Protein backbone atom coordinates (compact mmCIF):
# COMPACT_ATOMS: atom_id res chain seq x y z
CA MET A 1 8.89 -15.69 -2.33
CA THR A 2 10.26 -12.89 -4.46
CA THR A 3 11.03 -9.52 -2.97
CA PRO A 4 8.58 -6.88 -4.22
CA ARG A 5 10.01 -3.97 -6.15
CA LEU A 6 8.83 -0.44 -5.53
CA VAL A 7 6.92 1.04 -8.44
CA THR A 8 8.66 3.62 -10.60
CA GLN A 9 7.64 5.03 -13.96
CA GLY A 10 10.68 3.59 -15.71
CA GLU A 11 10.93 0.14 -14.12
CA ASP A 12 7.34 -1.07 -14.04
CA ARG A 13 5.44 0.41 -16.96
CA ALA A 14 2.34 -1.79 -16.50
CA ALA A 15 1.95 -0.76 -12.86
CA PHE A 16 2.50 2.89 -13.79
CA GLU A 17 -0.21 2.69 -16.46
CA ASP A 18 -2.55 1.06 -13.94
CA ILE A 19 -1.94 3.93 -11.51
CA ALA A 20 -2.51 6.53 -14.21
CA ALA A 21 -5.72 4.84 -15.41
CA ALA A 22 -7.19 4.48 -11.91
CA GLY A 23 -6.14 7.93 -10.78
CA SER A 24 -3.36 8.38 -8.30
CA ARG A 25 -5.72 9.28 -5.43
CA SER A 26 -8.03 6.27 -5.73
CA THR A 27 -8.22 3.93 -2.73
CA ARG A 28 -6.32 0.67 -3.10
CA LEU A 29 -6.11 -2.43 -0.94
CA GLY A 30 -3.01 -4.35 0.03
CA ARG A 31 -1.02 -5.66 2.95
CA VAL A 32 2.10 -4.59 4.79
CA GLU A 33 5.00 -6.65 3.44
CA ALA A 34 7.73 -5.12 5.63
CA PHE A 35 8.01 -2.45 8.31
CA ASP A 36 11.08 -1.17 10.18
CA VAL A 37 9.95 0.47 13.42
CA ALA A 38 13.31 2.16 14.06
CA GLN A 39 13.36 3.92 10.67
CA GLY A 40 9.59 4.23 10.29
CA LEU A 41 9.80 2.83 6.76
CA GLY A 42 7.66 0.11 5.25
CA VAL A 43 6.46 -1.55 2.07
CA ILE A 44 2.87 -2.31 1.07
CA VAL A 45 2.10 -4.84 -1.64
CA ALA A 46 -1.14 -3.97 -3.46
CA GLU A 47 -3.62 -6.61 -4.63
CA GLY A 48 -2.20 -6.43 -8.15
CA GLY A 49 1.32 -7.16 -6.88
CA ALA A 50 2.84 -3.68 -7.15
CA ALA A 51 4.87 -2.57 -4.11
CA PHE A 52 4.78 0.92 -2.62
CA GLY A 53 7.03 2.37 0.06
CA PHE A 54 5.59 4.40 2.93
CA HIS A 55 6.70 6.23 6.06
CA SER A 56 5.09 5.81 9.47
CA THR A 57 3.73 9.37 9.23
CA ALA A 58 1.44 8.10 6.42
CA ILE A 59 -0.48 5.87 8.88
CA ILE A 60 -3.64 7.87 9.48
CA ASP A 61 -4.54 6.52 12.93
CA GLY A 62 -1.43 8.25 14.31
CA SER A 63 0.05 5.07 15.79
CA ARG A 64 3.30 5.28 13.77
CA GLN A 65 3.47 1.45 13.86
CA ILE A 66 1.83 -1.31 11.87
CA ALA A 67 2.18 -5.09 11.83
CA VAL A 68 3.65 -7.02 8.92
CA GLY A 69 0.78 -8.84 7.18
CA GLN A 70 -1.78 -6.20 8.22
CA PRO A 71 -4.39 -5.55 5.52
CA VAL A 72 -4.55 -1.85 4.65
CA ALA A 73 -6.37 0.65 2.46
CA PHE A 74 -4.17 3.39 0.97
CA VAL A 75 -3.81 5.88 -1.85
CA VAL A 76 -0.87 6.18 -4.23
CA VAL A 77 0.87 9.53 -4.61
CA ALA A 78 3.75 10.68 -6.80
CA ALA A 79 7.06 11.03 -4.99
CA PRO A 80 10.36 12.63 -6.00
CA GLY A 81 12.48 10.74 -8.50
CA GLY A 82 9.65 9.41 -10.67
CA ARG A 83 8.42 6.88 -8.15
CA TYR A 84 5.18 6.38 -6.26
CA GLU A 85 4.50 5.81 -2.59
CA ALA A 86 1.60 4.91 -0.33
CA ALA A 87 -0.15 7.68 1.60
CA SER A 88 -3.17 7.79 3.91
CA VAL A 89 -2.44 4.24 5.06
CA SER A 90 -5.43 2.90 6.99
CA PRO A 91 -5.26 -0.47 8.79
CA ILE A 92 -8.23 -2.72 8.06
CA ASP A 93 -9.59 -4.99 10.76
CA GLY A 94 -10.07 -8.55 9.65
CA PRO A 95 -8.31 -11.48 8.07
CA THR A 96 -5.03 -11.16 6.20
CA MET A 97 -5.16 -10.58 2.47
CA GLY A 98 -5.70 -13.69 0.41
CA SER A 99 -7.49 -15.73 3.07
CA THR A 100 -10.91 -14.48 2.05
CA THR A 101 -12.41 -11.99 -0.38
CA GLY A 102 -15.25 -10.76 1.83
CA TRP A 103 -13.18 -8.12 3.62
CA ARG A 104 -12.50 -6.16 0.43
CA LEU A 105 -15.96 -4.61 0.13
CA GLU A 106 -16.11 -3.81 3.84
CA ALA A 107 -12.68 -2.17 3.64
CA LEU A 108 -13.71 0.09 0.77
CA GLU A 109 -16.87 1.12 2.60
CA ARG A 110 -14.85 2.14 5.68
CA ALA A 111 -12.05 3.88 3.76
């Protein structure tokens, strides 16, 4: 498995164009690829394969923790340095991403 790279304007032009076309505040689906509880930092991999960093303060249920593999809904926002990060991270109840496609519509309805 390859390590996902965080999306920046210069490094991943296709992902940047996808973000610009969809609007940076549109809801996206993905799963938590990594999360460090001590630092509060994590990485979400979106359905299209782009990776976005996030901080535990972006988790909207206030828990400040999230499990690796957890399906999530989130929005992408511009961050300093020409990169993008996940915000308004909302855990989605249900199976992990890739095991079924049925949860996607339910997740968008709840988000």
